[in-house]
Amino acid sequence: MAPNKAYHGAGQSSVGHAAFYEAGDQRNEPQSVINERERYKEGVSDRGNAVNEEAELSKSDPTKPAQMHGNKPSKGAEIDRELQLEDEQRLREKGIKE
């Protein structure tokens, strides 16, 4: 090391200094990946409608989505349904809901 020149440790590391990275480190995505992404975007909007329909069904009957898929409703869904029926009965008794 020369006595008149300042010594910097940054020249010893390749971390965080843009000059040490080559353009070859940035790779372009293959066309197949881009096509797959487009196919995914198309399917997401269709899938969202089905999810929203199931959410609406579960509001009226929490056990309905599981039954639609041929499954036994979960214990939580069964309890929710019982509570919902009890609430509706109380409202009918009070004359609030018909």
N, C-alpha and C. Protein backbone atom coordinates (compact mmCIF):
# COMPACT_ATOMS: atom_id res chain seq x y z
N MET A 1 0.84 -1.16 0.00
CA MET A 1 0.00 0.00 0.00
C MET A 1 0.89 1.23 0.00
N ALA A 2 0.54 2.17 -0.85
CA ALA A 2 1.34 3.39 -0.96
C ALA A 2 1.02 4.33 0.19
N PRO A 3 1.99 5.02 0.76
CA PRO A 3 1.76 5.87 1.93
C PRO A 3 0.88 7.08 1.64
N ASN A 4 0.81 7.58 0.41
CA ASN A 4 0.05 8.79 0.11
C ASN A 4 -1.40 8.50 -0.29
N LYS A 5 -1.76 7.28 -0.54
CA LYS A 5 -3.11 6.96 -1.00
C LYS A 5 -3.93 6.41 0.16
N ALA A 6 -5.21 6.81 0.19
CA ALA A 6 -6.12 6.32 1.23
C ALA A 6 -6.54 4.89 0.88
N TYR A 7 -6.69 4.08 1.89
CA TYR A 7 -7.10 2.70 1.69
C TYR A 7 -8.56 2.56 2.11
N HIS A 8 -9.38 2.04 1.19
CA HIS A 8 -10.80 1.84 1.49
C HIS A 8 -11.10 0.35 1.44
N GLY A 9 -11.79 -0.16 2.46
CA GLY A 9 -12.16 -1.56 2.53
C GLY A 9 -13.29 -1.93 1.57
N ALA A 10 -14.01 -0.92 1.04
CA ALA A 10 -15.13 -1.19 0.16
C ALA A 10 -14.67 -1.87 -1.14
N GLY A 11 -13.45 -1.65 -1.51
CA GLY A 11 -12.95 -2.26 -2.73
C GLY A 11 -12.72 -3.75 -2.59
N GLN A 12 -12.70 -4.24 -1.37
CA GLN A 12 -12.44 -5.65 -1.11
C GLN A 12 -13.72 -6.50 -1.14
N SER A 13 -14.89 -5.85 -1.07
CA SER A 13 -16.16 -6.59 -0.97
C SER A 13 -17.00 -6.39 -2.22
N SER A 14 -17.73 -7.43 -2.60
CA SER A 14 -18.62 -7.29 -3.74
C SER A 14 -20.07 -7.14 -3.28
N VAL A 15 -20.27 -7.00 -2.00
CA VAL A 15 -21.62 -6.89 -1.46
C VAL A 15 -22.04 -5.43 -1.46
N GLY A 16 -23.13 -5.14 -2.11
CA GLY A 16 -23.72 -3.82 -2.05
C GLY A 16 -23.13 -2.79 -2.99
N HIS A 17 -22.18 -3.12 -3.78
CA HIS A 17 -21.59 -2.15 -4.70
C HIS A 17 -21.95 -2.57 -6.12
N ALA A 18 -22.73 -1.75 -6.82
CA ALA A 18 -23.30 -2.11 -8.11
C ALA A 18 -22.23 -2.38 -9.18
N ALA A 19 -21.07 -1.79 -9.05
CA ALA A 19 -20.04 -1.94 -10.07
C ALA A 19 -19.52 -3.37 -10.14
N PHE A 20 -19.73 -4.16 -9.12
CA PHE A 20 -19.20 -5.52 -9.10
C PHE A 20 -20.14 -6.55 -9.69
N TYR A 21 -21.37 -6.16 -10.00
CA TYR A 21 -22.33 -7.09 -10.57
C TYR A 21 -22.36 -6.94 -12.08
N GLU A 22 -22.45 -8.04 -12.75
CA GLU A 22 -22.48 -8.02 -14.21
C GLU A 22 -23.91 -8.09 -14.70
N ALA A 23 -24.14 -7.68 -15.93
CA ALA A 23 -25.47 -7.71 -16.51
C ALA A 23 -25.98 -9.15 -16.63
N GLY A 24 -25.09 -10.12 -16.69
CA GLY A 24 -25.49 -11.51 -16.79
C GLY A 24 -26.22 -12.01 -15.56
N ASP A 25 -26.12 -11.27 -14.44
CA ASP A 25 -26.82 -11.64 -13.22
C ASP A 25 -28.32 -11.38 -13.33
N GLN A 26 -28.70 -10.52 -14.25
CA GLN A 26 -30.11 -10.22 -14.45
C GLN A 26 -30.63 -11.07 -15.59
N ARG A 27 -31.47 -12.02 -15.25
CA ARG A 27 -31.94 -12.96 -16.26
C ARG A 27 -33.36 -12.62 -16.67
N ASN A 28 -33.64 -12.78 -17.94
CA ASN A 28 -35.00 -12.59 -18.44
C ASN A 28 -35.80 -13.86 -18.22
N GLU A 29 -37.09 -13.68 -17.97
CA GLU A 29 -37.95 -14.85 -17.77
C GLU A 29 -38.23 -15.51 -19.11
N PRO A 30 -38.30 -16.82 -19.13
CA PRO A 30 -38.66 -17.51 -20.35
C PRO A 30 -40.11 -17.21 -20.73
N GLN A 31 -40.42 -17.30 -21.99
CA GLN A 31 -41.78 -17.04 -22.47
C GLN A 31 -42.79 -17.97 -21.82
N SER A 32 -42.38 -19.20 -21.52
CA SER A 32 -43.31 -20.14 -20.89
C SER A 32 -43.77 -19.64 -19.52
N VAL A 33 -42.88 -18.98 -18.77
CA VAL A 33 -43.25 -18.44 -17.46
C VAL A 33 -44.22 -17.28 -17.63
N ILE A 34 -43.97 -16.45 -18.62
CA ILE A 34 -44.86 -15.31 -18.89
C ILE A 34 -46.25 -15.81 -19.30
N ASN A 35 -46.30 -16.83 -20.15
CA ASN A 35 -47.58 -17.39 -20.57
C ASN A 35 -48.34 -17.99 -19.38
N GLU A 36 -47.62 -18.67 -18.52
CA GLU A 36 -48.25 -19.28 -17.34
C GLU A 36 -48.85 -18.20 -16.44
N ARG A 37 -48.16 -17.08 -16.29
CA ARG A 37 -48.65 -15.98 -15.48
C ARG A 37 -49.96 -15.44 -16.06
N GLU A 38 -50.02 -15.31 -17.39
CA GLU A 38 -51.24 -14.81 -18.03
C GLU A 38 -52.39 -15.80 -17.81
N ARG A 39 -52.12 -17.08 -17.92
CA ARG A 39 -53.16 -18.08 -17.70
C ARG A 39 -53.66 -18.03 -16.26
N TYR A 40 -52.75 -17.78 -15.33
CA TYR A 40 -53.14 -17.69 -13.92
C TYR A 40 -54.06 -16.50 -13.70
N LYS A 41 -53.71 -15.35 -14.29
CA LYS A 41 -54.53 -14.15 -14.13
C LYS A 41 -55.93 -14.37 -14.67
N GLU A 42 -56.06 -15.09 -15.78
CA GLU A 42 -57.38 -15.35 -16.34
C GLU A 42 -58.21 -16.21 -15.40
N GLY A 43 -57.60 -17.19 -14.78
CA GLY A 43 -58.33 -18.11 -13.92
C GLY A 43 -58.70 -17.52 -12.58
N VAL A 44 -57.96 -16.55 -12.10
CA VAL A 44 -58.21 -16.00 -10.78
C VAL A 44 -59.57 -15.32 -10.72
N SER A 45 -59.94 -14.58 -11.74
CA SER A 45 -61.22 -13.88 -11.68
C SER A 45 -62.38 -14.87 -11.69
N ASP A 46 -62.26 -15.96 -12.43
CA ASP A 46 -63.31 -16.97 -12.45
C ASP A 46 -63.44 -17.65 -11.09
N ARG A 47 -62.32 -17.93 -10.49
CA ARG A 47 -62.31 -18.62 -9.21
C ARG A 47 -62.89 -17.72 -8.13
N GLY A 48 -62.67 -16.43 -8.22
CA GLY A 48 -63.19 -15.50 -7.22
C GLY A 48 -64.69 -15.52 -7.14
N ASN A 49 -65.38 -15.68 -8.27
CA ASN A 49 -66.84 -15.71 -8.27
C ASN A 49 -67.36 -16.91 -7.50
N ALA A 50 -66.74 -18.05 -7.68
CA ALA A 50 -67.16 -19.26 -6.98
C ALA A 50 -66.96 -19.11 -5.48
N VAL A 51 -65.87 -18.48 -5.09
CA VAL A 51 -65.59 -18.29 -3.67
C VAL A 51 -66.64 -17.35 -3.07
N ASN A 52 -66.99 -16.29 -3.81
CA ASN A 52 -67.99 -15.35 -3.31
C ASN A 52 -69.35 -16.02 -3.17
N GLU A 53 -69.70 -16.88 -4.12
CA GLU A 53 -70.98 -17.59 -4.04
C GLU A 53 -71.02 -18.50 -2.81
N GLU A 54 -69.92 -19.17 -2.52
CA GLU A 54 -69.87 -20.04 -1.34
C GLU A 54 -69.95 -19.21 -0.07
N ALA A 55 -69.35 -18.03 -0.06
CA ALA A 55 -69.41 -17.17 1.12
C ALA A 55 -70.86 -16.73 1.37
N GLU A 56 -71.57 -16.41 0.30
CA GLU A 56 -72.98 -16.03 0.45
C GLU A 56 -73.81 -17.21 0.95
N LEU A 57 -73.54 -18.40 0.44
CA LEU A 57 -74.27 -19.59 0.90
C LEU A 57 -74.01 -19.85 2.38
N SER A 58 -72.78 -19.65 2.81
CA SER A 58 -72.44 -19.94 4.19
C SER A 58 -73.09 -18.95 5.15
N LYS A 59 -73.47 -17.78 4.65
CA LYS A 59 -74.19 -16.83 5.51
C LYS A 59 -75.60 -17.33 5.80
N SER A 60 -76.24 -17.93 4.80
CA SER A 60 -77.59 -18.43 5.01
C SER A 60 -77.57 -19.78 5.71
N ASP A 61 -76.60 -20.62 5.41
CA ASP A 61 -76.48 -21.93 6.04
C ASP A 61 -75.00 -22.30 6.10
N PRO A 62 -74.39 -22.20 7.28
CA PRO A 62 -72.95 -22.47 7.40
C PRO A 62 -72.53 -23.88 6.99
N THR A 63 -73.47 -24.82 6.97
CA THR A 63 -73.12 -26.19 6.60
C THR A 63 -73.23 -26.44 5.10
N LYS A 64 -73.82 -25.51 4.37
CA LYS A 64 -74.11 -25.73 2.95
C LYS A 64 -72.86 -25.92 2.08
N PRO A 65 -71.81 -25.10 2.20
CA PRO A 65 -70.63 -25.31 1.33
C PRO A 65 -70.03 -26.70 1.45
N ALA A 66 -69.94 -27.22 2.65
CA ALA A 66 -69.37 -28.57 2.83
C ALA A 66 -70.28 -29.61 2.20
N GLN A 67 -71.59 -29.45 2.37
CA GLN A 67 -72.54 -30.40 1.80
C GLN A 67 -72.50 -30.36 0.27
N MET A 68 -72.31 -29.17 -0.30
CA MET A 68 -72.24 -29.04 -1.76
C MET A 68 -71.06 -29.83 -2.32
N HIS A 69 -69.99 -29.91 -1.55
CA HIS A 69 -68.79 -30.63 -2.00
C HIS A 69 -68.79 -32.08 -1.57
N GLY A 70 -69.90 -32.51 -0.99
CA GLY A 70 -70.01 -33.91 -0.58
C GLY A 70 -69.28 -34.24 0.70
N ASN A 71 -69.01 -33.22 1.51
CA ASN A 71 -68.30 -33.44 2.77
C ASN A 71 -69.24 -33.26 3.95
N LYS A 72 -68.82 -33.82 5.07
CA LYS A 72 -69.57 -33.61 6.31
C LYS A 72 -69.18 -32.24 6.85
N PRO A 73 -70.16 -31.43 7.25
CA PRO A 73 -69.84 -30.10 7.80
C PRO A 73 -68.98 -30.21 9.05
N SER A 74 -68.15 -29.23 9.25
CA SER A 74 -67.29 -29.23 10.44
C SER A 74 -68.13 -28.99 11.69
N LYS A 75 -67.54 -29.32 12.83
CA LYS A 75 -68.22 -29.13 14.10
C LYS A 75 -68.56 -27.65 14.30
N GLY A 76 -67.66 -26.78 13.92
CA GLY A 76 -67.90 -25.34 14.04
C GLY A 76 -69.06 -24.88 13.18
N ALA A 77 -69.15 -25.40 11.96
CA ALA A 77 -70.25 -25.04 11.07
C ALA A 77 -71.58 -25.54 11.63
N GLU A 78 -71.57 -26.73 12.21
CA GLU A 78 -72.80 -27.27 12.81
C GLU A 78 -73.24 -26.42 14.00
N ILE A 79 -72.29 -26.00 14.81
CA ILE A 79 -72.61 -25.14 15.96
C ILE A 79 -73.13 -23.79 15.47
N ASP A 80 -72.48 -23.23 14.45
CA ASP A 80 -72.94 -21.96 13.88
C ASP A 80 -74.37 -22.07 13.38
N ARG A 81 -74.69 -23.18 12.74
CA ARG A 81 -76.05 -23.39 12.22
C ARG A 81 -77.06 -23.47 13.37
N GLU A 82 -76.72 -24.19 14.43
CA GLU A 82 -77.61 -24.29 15.59
C GLU A 82 -77.84 -22.91 16.22
N LEU A 83 -76.77 -22.14 16.38
CA LEU A 83 -76.90 -20.80 16.95
C LEU A 83 -77.74 -19.90 16.05
N GLN A 84 -77.55 -20.02 14.76
CA GLN A 84 -78.31 -19.23 13.81
C GLN A 84 -79.80 -19.56 13.91
N LEU A 85 -80.14 -20.84 13.99
CA LEU A 85 -81.54 -21.25 14.11
C LEU A 85 -82.16 -20.76 15.42
N GLU A 86 -81.39 -20.82 16.52
CA GLU A 86 -81.87 -20.32 17.80
C GLU A 86 -82.14 -18.82 17.75
N ASP A 87 -81.21 -18.07 17.12
CA ASP A 87 -81.39 -16.62 17.00
C ASP A 87 -82.64 -16.29 16.19
N GLU A 88 -82.83 -16.99 15.07
CA GLU A 88 -84.00 -16.75 14.24
C GLU A 88 -85.29 -17.06 15.01
N GLN A 89 -85.29 -18.13 15.82
CA GLN A 89 -86.47 -18.48 16.60
C GLN A 89 -86.77 -17.39 17.63
N ARG A 90 -85.76 -16.89 18.31
CA ARG A 90 -85.96 -15.82 19.29
C ARG A 90 -86.52 -14.57 18.63
N LEU A 91 -86.00 -14.23 17.44
CA LEU A 91 -86.51 -13.06 16.74
C LEU A 91 -87.97 -13.25 16.33
N ARG A 92 -88.32 -14.46 15.92
CA ARG A 92 -89.72 -14.73 15.56
C ARG A 92 -90.62 -14.61 16.79
N GLU A 93 -90.14 -15.10 17.92
CA GLU A 93 -90.92 -15.02 19.16
C GLU A 93 -91.16 -13.57 19.57
N LYS A 94 -90.17 -12.72 19.33
CA LYS A 94 -90.30 -11.30 19.68
C LYS A 94 -91.08 -10.54 18.61
N GLY A 95 -91.34 -11.18 17.48
CA GLY A 95 -92.10 -10.53 16.41
C GLY A 95 -91.24 -9.65 15.51
N ILE A 96 -89.93 -9.78 15.60
CA ILE A 96 -89.03 -8.97 14.79
C ILE A 96 -88.82 -9.59 13.42
N LYS A 97 -88.77 -10.90 13.36
CA LYS A 97 -88.51 -11.58 12.09
C LYS A 97 -89.62 -12.57 11.82
N GLU A 98 -90.03 -12.61 10.57
CA GLU A 98 -91.11 -13.54 10.21
C GLU A 98 -90.59 -14.76 9.51
